Structures are given as C-alpha cells and as structure tokens.
C-alpha cells in the first residue's frame, strides 16, 4: 500500500448532463447511475472552492469530449452550468493498493 501524492475530484453526472449526453449520440446512452470519473489534483489544498474553480474548465471539457467532439454542441463552459451538470466530491487522500508501478499516458 502506498499513499499517492495527489488529491482527487470525483465527478458524477447529474440529470442535466445525462439528458444532454443521450441526445448527442443514440448509441451512447448513460443514466444517472453512470460510474464517476476521478481526476487527480494537487495533494495539499486548504479550501475546496479554489480547487474546483481552477480545474472545472478542464474537467468539463473532458466530460463533454467523452460524449462528442463537436464543440458546437457544447454548452457554455461556465461554473454554474458545470455545477448543474455534475456532482462533485473532493478529497486529499489517494492510496494505491496495487503492488505494480503506476503508469500514466
């Protein structure tokens, strides 16, 4: 077991995102119970709001690009839209239970 020097933001879709995503691609159908995405962030932070503010655009774009690469279909990339479309959880402890080395692309 190793403690990884990262915190995390877990992003779960809310109904607004699900509705938008399901309109974009009839074959790409998700629901409110879709698995979350975990984004690793800096380990040491003191307040949640600044961490979300500094990362929400990258996260929002990643979530949108997972559905379609047609940017004309994207909503306006604003914090209030992001918070309407996703449920967030922020934490500072990441523990790697695997024995093999982490890899990154």
N, C-alpha and C. Protein backbone atom coordinates (compact mmCIF):
# COMPACT_ATOMS: atom_id res chain seq x y z
N UNK A 1 0.84 -1.17 0.00
CA UNK A 1 0.00 0.00 0.00
C UNK A 1 0.89 1.24 0.00
N UNK A 2 0.54 2.19 -0.89
CA UNK A 2 1.33 3.42 -0.99
C UNK A 2 0.37 4.60 -1.01
N UNK A 3 0.71 5.64 -0.28
CA UNK A 3 -0.05 6.88 -0.36
C UNK A 3 0.50 7.68 -1.54
N UNK A 4 -0.38 8.06 -2.44
CA UNK A 4 0.00 8.80 -3.64
C UNK A 4 -0.10 10.29 -3.34
N UNK A 5 0.85 11.06 -3.84
CA UNK A 5 0.89 12.49 -3.53
C UNK A 5 -0.08 13.28 -4.42
N UNK A 6 -1.34 12.93 -4.35
CA UNK A 6 -2.40 13.60 -5.09
C UNK A 6 -3.67 13.62 -4.26
N UNK A 7 -4.49 14.62 -4.51
CA UNK A 7 -5.86 14.64 -4.03
C UNK A 7 -6.74 14.22 -5.19
N UNK A 8 -8.06 14.37 -5.04
CA UNK A 8 -8.93 13.95 -6.13
C UNK A 8 -10.22 14.77 -6.16
N UNK A 9 -10.79 14.83 -7.35
CA UNK A 9 -12.15 15.32 -7.54
C UNK A 9 -12.90 14.19 -8.23
N UNK A 10 -13.94 13.70 -7.59
CA UNK A 10 -14.80 12.69 -8.19
C UNK A 10 -15.98 13.41 -8.82
N UNK A 11 -16.25 13.08 -10.08
CA UNK A 11 -17.29 13.76 -10.86
C UNK A 11 -18.35 12.74 -11.28
N UNK A 12 -19.59 12.97 -10.80
CA UNK A 12 -20.72 12.11 -11.16
C UNK A 12 -21.71 12.92 -11.98
N UNK A 13 -22.27 12.32 -13.02
CA UNK A 13 -23.24 13.07 -13.83
C UNK A 13 -24.55 13.28 -13.09
N UNK A 14 -25.11 14.47 -13.28
CA UNK A 14 -26.47 14.75 -12.82
C UNK A 14 -27.39 14.63 -14.04
N UNK A 15 -28.69 14.74 -13.81
CA UNK A 15 -29.67 14.52 -14.87
C UNK A 15 -29.47 15.47 -16.06
N UNK A 16 -29.07 16.70 -15.82
CA UNK A 16 -28.87 17.65 -16.92
C UNK A 16 -27.80 17.16 -17.90
N UNK A 17 -26.69 16.62 -17.38
CA UNK A 17 -25.65 16.07 -18.25
C UNK A 17 -26.15 14.82 -18.95
N UNK A 18 -26.81 13.95 -18.23
CA UNK A 18 -27.34 12.71 -18.81
C UNK A 18 -28.27 13.04 -19.98
N UNK A 19 -29.17 13.99 -19.78
CA UNK A 19 -30.10 14.38 -20.85
C UNK A 19 -29.35 14.89 -22.07
N UNK A 20 -28.37 15.77 -21.86
CA UNK A 20 -27.58 16.31 -22.97
C UNK A 20 -26.81 15.19 -23.67
N UNK A 21 -26.14 14.35 -22.91
CA UNK A 21 -25.32 13.28 -23.49
C UNK A 21 -26.15 12.32 -24.32
N UNK A 22 -27.32 11.96 -23.84
CA UNK A 22 -28.15 10.99 -24.54
C UNK A 22 -28.74 11.55 -25.83
N UNK A 23 -28.84 12.87 -25.94
CA UNK A 23 -29.29 13.49 -27.19
C UNK A 23 -28.17 13.49 -28.23
N UNK A 24 -26.93 13.58 -27.77
CA UNK A 24 -25.79 13.71 -28.69
C UNK A 24 -25.54 12.46 -29.51
N UNK A 25 -25.76 11.30 -28.92
CA UNK A 25 -25.43 10.04 -29.59
C UNK A 25 -26.40 8.97 -29.11
N UNK A 26 -27.22 8.48 -30.03
CA UNK A 26 -28.22 7.48 -29.65
C UNK A 26 -27.58 6.18 -29.15
N UNK A 27 -26.34 5.91 -29.60
CA UNK A 27 -25.66 4.69 -29.15
C UNK A 27 -24.95 4.89 -27.81
N UNK A 28 -24.71 6.13 -27.46
CA UNK A 28 -24.05 6.45 -26.19
C UNK A 28 -25.12 6.87 -25.19
N UNK A 29 -25.69 5.91 -24.54
CA UNK A 29 -26.75 6.19 -23.58
C UNK A 29 -26.23 5.95 -22.17
N UNK A 30 -26.30 6.98 -21.34
CA UNK A 30 -25.91 6.84 -19.95
C UNK A 30 -27.12 7.17 -19.09
N UNK A 31 -27.01 6.86 -17.82
CA UNK A 31 -28.07 7.24 -16.89
C UNK A 31 -27.45 7.86 -15.66
N UNK A 32 -28.29 8.22 -14.74
CA UNK A 32 -27.86 8.94 -13.55
C UNK A 32 -26.91 8.09 -12.69
N UNK A 33 -26.90 6.79 -12.90
CA UNK A 33 -26.05 5.88 -12.13
C UNK A 33 -24.73 5.55 -12.84
N UNK A 34 -24.39 6.32 -13.87
CA UNK A 34 -23.14 6.07 -14.59
C UNK A 34 -21.96 6.19 -13.62
N UNK A 35 -20.94 5.41 -13.89
CA UNK A 35 -19.79 5.45 -12.97
C UNK A 35 -19.13 6.82 -13.01
N UNK A 36 -18.61 7.26 -11.89
CA UNK A 36 -17.97 8.57 -11.83
C UNK A 36 -16.58 8.54 -12.46
N UNK A 37 -16.05 9.71 -12.71
CA UNK A 37 -14.67 9.86 -13.15
C UNK A 37 -13.90 10.49 -12.00
N UNK A 38 -12.69 10.03 -11.79
CA UNK A 38 -11.84 10.57 -10.74
C UNK A 38 -10.70 11.34 -11.39
N UNK A 39 -10.56 12.59 -11.02
CA UNK A 39 -9.50 13.45 -11.51
C UNK A 39 -8.53 13.70 -10.36
N UNK A 40 -7.25 13.44 -10.62
CA UNK A 40 -6.24 13.68 -9.59
C UNK A 40 -5.82 15.13 -9.63
N UNK A 41 -5.66 15.69 -8.45
CA UNK A 41 -5.29 17.10 -8.30
C UNK A 41 -4.14 17.20 -7.31
N UNK A 42 -3.72 18.42 -7.04
CA UNK A 42 -2.67 18.61 -6.04
C UNK A 42 -3.11 18.03 -4.70
N UNK A 43 -2.17 17.53 -3.96
CA UNK A 43 -2.47 16.87 -2.69
C UNK A 43 -2.84 17.85 -1.58
N UNK A 44 -2.11 18.93 -1.50
CA UNK A 44 -2.30 19.88 -0.41
C UNK A 44 -3.13 21.07 -0.85
N UNK A 45 -4.32 21.17 -0.30
CA UNK A 45 -5.15 22.34 -0.54
C UNK A 45 -5.91 22.62 0.74
N UNK A 46 -6.29 23.86 0.92
CA UNK A 46 -6.93 24.25 2.16
C UNK A 46 -8.41 24.54 1.99
N UNK A 47 -8.79 24.93 0.79
CA UNK A 47 -10.19 25.23 0.52
C UNK A 47 -10.62 24.53 -0.76
N UNK A 48 -11.84 24.03 -0.77
CA UNK A 48 -12.36 23.28 -1.91
C UNK A 48 -12.70 24.20 -3.08
N UNK A 49 -13.34 25.32 -2.82
CA UNK A 49 -13.81 26.19 -3.90
C UNK A 49 -12.70 26.61 -4.86
N UNK A 50 -11.54 27.06 -4.38
CA UNK A 50 -10.48 27.43 -5.32
C UNK A 50 -9.99 26.25 -6.17
N UNK A 51 -9.97 25.06 -5.60
CA UNK A 51 -9.56 23.87 -6.35
C UNK A 51 -10.55 23.59 -7.47
N UNK A 52 -11.83 23.67 -7.17
CA UNK A 52 -12.85 23.45 -8.20
C UNK A 52 -12.77 24.54 -9.26
N UNK A 53 -12.66 25.78 -8.84
CA UNK A 53 -12.58 26.90 -9.78
C UNK A 53 -11.39 26.78 -10.73
N UNK A 54 -10.27 26.32 -10.21
CA UNK A 54 -9.07 26.24 -11.06
C UNK A 54 -9.07 25.02 -11.98
N UNK A 55 -9.94 24.06 -11.74
CA UNK A 55 -9.95 22.83 -12.55
C UNK A 55 -11.23 22.57 -13.32
N UNK A 56 -12.29 23.32 -13.07
CA UNK A 56 -13.58 22.94 -13.64
C UNK A 56 -13.61 22.98 -15.17
N UNK A 57 -12.90 23.92 -15.79
CA UNK A 57 -12.93 24.00 -17.26
C UNK A 57 -12.30 22.77 -17.89
N UNK A 58 -11.16 22.33 -17.37
CA UNK A 58 -10.51 21.13 -17.90
C UNK A 58 -11.39 19.90 -17.70
N UNK A 59 -11.98 19.79 -16.51
CA UNK A 59 -12.85 18.65 -16.22
C UNK A 59 -14.09 18.69 -17.10
N UNK A 60 -14.71 19.84 -17.21
CA UNK A 60 -15.92 19.99 -18.03
C UNK A 60 -15.63 19.57 -19.47
N UNK A 61 -14.53 20.09 -20.03
CA UNK A 61 -14.18 19.74 -21.40
C UNK A 61 -13.93 18.24 -21.56
N UNK A 62 -13.27 17.64 -20.61
CA UNK A 62 -13.01 16.20 -20.68
C UNK A 62 -14.32 15.41 -20.68
N UNK A 63 -15.24 15.79 -19.82
CA UNK A 63 -16.54 15.10 -19.76
C UNK A 63 -17.33 15.29 -21.05
N UNK A 64 -17.30 16.49 -21.61
CA UNK A 64 -18.01 16.75 -22.87
C UNK A 64 -17.38 15.98 -24.02
N UNK A 65 -16.04 15.99 -24.09
CA UNK A 65 -15.32 15.30 -25.16
C UNK A 65 -15.53 13.79 -25.11
N UNK A 66 -15.85 13.26 -23.94
CA UNK A 66 -16.13 11.82 -23.84
C UNK A 66 -17.43 11.47 -24.56
N UNK A 67 -18.28 12.46 -24.77
CA UNK A 67 -19.57 12.25 -25.43
C UNK A 67 -19.49 12.60 -26.91
N UNK A 68 -18.94 13.77 -27.24
CA UNK A 68 -18.84 14.22 -28.62
C UNK A 68 -17.68 15.19 -28.77
N UNK A 69 -17.08 15.20 -29.94
CA UNK A 69 -16.02 16.18 -30.19
C UNK A 69 -16.54 17.38 -30.98
N UNK A 70 -17.84 17.45 -31.18
CA UNK A 70 -18.47 18.58 -31.87
C UNK A 70 -18.69 19.72 -30.87
N UNK A 71 -17.75 20.66 -30.84
CA UNK A 71 -17.80 21.74 -29.87
C UNK A 71 -19.01 22.66 -30.05
N UNK A 72 -19.61 22.63 -31.23
CA UNK A 72 -20.83 23.43 -31.44
C UNK A 72 -21.99 22.93 -30.58
N UNK A 73 -21.92 21.68 -30.14
CA UNK A 73 -22.96 21.09 -29.30
C UNK A 73 -22.73 21.35 -27.81
N UNK A 74 -21.56 21.87 -27.46
CA UNK A 74 -21.23 22.09 -26.06
C UNK A 74 -22.03 23.25 -25.48
N UNK A 75 -22.38 23.15 -24.22
CA UNK A 75 -22.99 24.30 -23.55
C UNK A 75 -21.90 25.34 -23.28
N UNK A 76 -22.30 26.48 -22.80
CA UNK A 76 -21.33 27.48 -22.39
C UNK A 76 -20.54 26.92 -21.20
N UNK A 77 -19.23 27.04 -21.26
CA UNK A 77 -18.36 26.48 -20.21
C UNK A 77 -18.30 27.49 -19.07
N UNK A 78 -19.25 27.36 -18.16
CA UNK A 78 -19.36 28.25 -17.01
C UNK A 78 -19.53 27.41 -15.75
N UNK A 79 -19.08 27.98 -14.64
CA UNK A 79 -19.15 27.26 -13.37
C UNK A 79 -20.57 26.86 -13.01
N UNK A 80 -21.55 27.74 -13.18
CA UNK A 80 -22.91 27.40 -12.78
C UNK A 80 -23.47 26.24 -13.61
N UNK A 81 -23.12 26.19 -14.90
CA UNK A 81 -23.55 25.06 -15.73
C UNK A 81 -22.87 23.79 -15.25
N UNK A 82 -21.57 23.86 -15.01
CA UNK A 82 -20.80 22.72 -14.52
C UNK A 82 -21.43 22.14 -13.25
N UNK A 83 -21.75 22.99 -12.31
CA UNK A 83 -22.32 22.52 -11.04
C UNK A 83 -23.75 22.00 -11.20
N UNK A 84 -24.45 22.46 -12.23
CA UNK A 84 -25.78 21.93 -12.52
C UNK A 84 -25.69 20.55 -13.17
N UNK A 85 -24.63 20.30 -13.89
CA UNK A 85 -24.47 19.07 -14.65
C UNK A 85 -23.75 17.96 -13.89
N UNK A 86 -22.98 18.32 -12.84
CA UNK A 86 -22.16 17.31 -12.16
C UNK A 86 -22.19 17.45 -10.65
N UNK A 87 -22.15 16.31 -9.99
CA UNK A 87 -21.99 16.24 -8.54
C UNK A 87 -20.51 16.00 -8.27
N UNK A 88 -19.94 16.74 -7.34
CA UNK A 88 -18.50 16.66 -7.08
C UNK A 88 -18.23 16.21 -5.65
N UNK A 89 -17.13 15.51 -5.51
CA UNK A 89 -16.59 15.17 -4.19
C UNK A 89 -15.09 15.43 -4.27
N UNK A 90 -14.55 16.13 -3.29
CA UNK A 90 -13.14 16.48 -3.29
C UNK A 90 -12.49 15.87 -2.05
N UNK A 91 -11.31 15.29 -2.23
CA UNK A 91 -10.59 14.71 -1.11
C UNK A 91 -9.09 14.81 -1.31
N UNK A 92 -8.36 14.55 -0.26
CA UNK A 92 -6.90 14.73 -0.32
C UNK A 92 -6.11 13.45 -0.09
N UNK A 93 -6.77 12.32 0.05
CA UNK A 93 -6.04 11.09 0.31
C UNK A 93 -6.30 10.09 -0.80
N UNK A 94 -5.21 9.67 -1.47
CA UNK A 94 -5.27 8.65 -2.51
C UNK A 94 -4.29 7.55 -2.10
N UNK A 95 -4.79 6.35 -1.99
CA UNK A 95 -3.96 5.21 -1.59
C UNK A 95 -3.97 4.18 -2.71
N UNK A 96 -2.80 3.80 -3.15
CA UNK A 96 -2.64 2.80 -4.21
C UNK A 96 -2.49 1.43 -3.55
N UNK A 97 -3.46 0.56 -3.77
CA UNK A 97 -3.44 -0.77 -3.17
C UNK A 97 -2.70 -1.79 -4.03
N UNK A 98 -2.28 -1.41 -5.21
CA UNK A 98 -1.62 -2.33 -6.11
C UNK A 98 -0.12 -2.36 -5.86
N UNK A 99 0.50 -3.49 -6.16
CA UNK A 99 1.93 -3.64 -5.99
C UNK A 99 2.74 -3.10 -7.17
N UNK A 100 2.17 -3.19 -8.37
CA UNK A 100 2.90 -2.77 -9.55
C UNK A 100 2.94 -1.24 -9.65
N UNK A 101 3.84 -0.73 -10.48
CA UNK A 101 4.04 0.70 -10.63
C UNK A 101 2.86 1.36 -11.32
N UNK A 102 2.58 2.60 -10.94
CA UNK A 102 1.60 3.40 -11.65
C UNK A 102 2.14 3.74 -13.02
N UNK A 103 1.26 3.84 -13.99
CA UNK A 103 1.68 4.31 -15.30
C UNK A 103 0.77 5.45 -15.71
N UNK A 104 1.27 6.33 -16.52
CA UNK A 104 0.49 7.47 -16.99
C UNK A 104 0.71 7.63 -18.49
N UNK A 105 -0.32 8.11 -19.16
CA UNK A 105 -0.22 8.35 -20.61
C UNK A 105 -0.22 9.83 -20.86
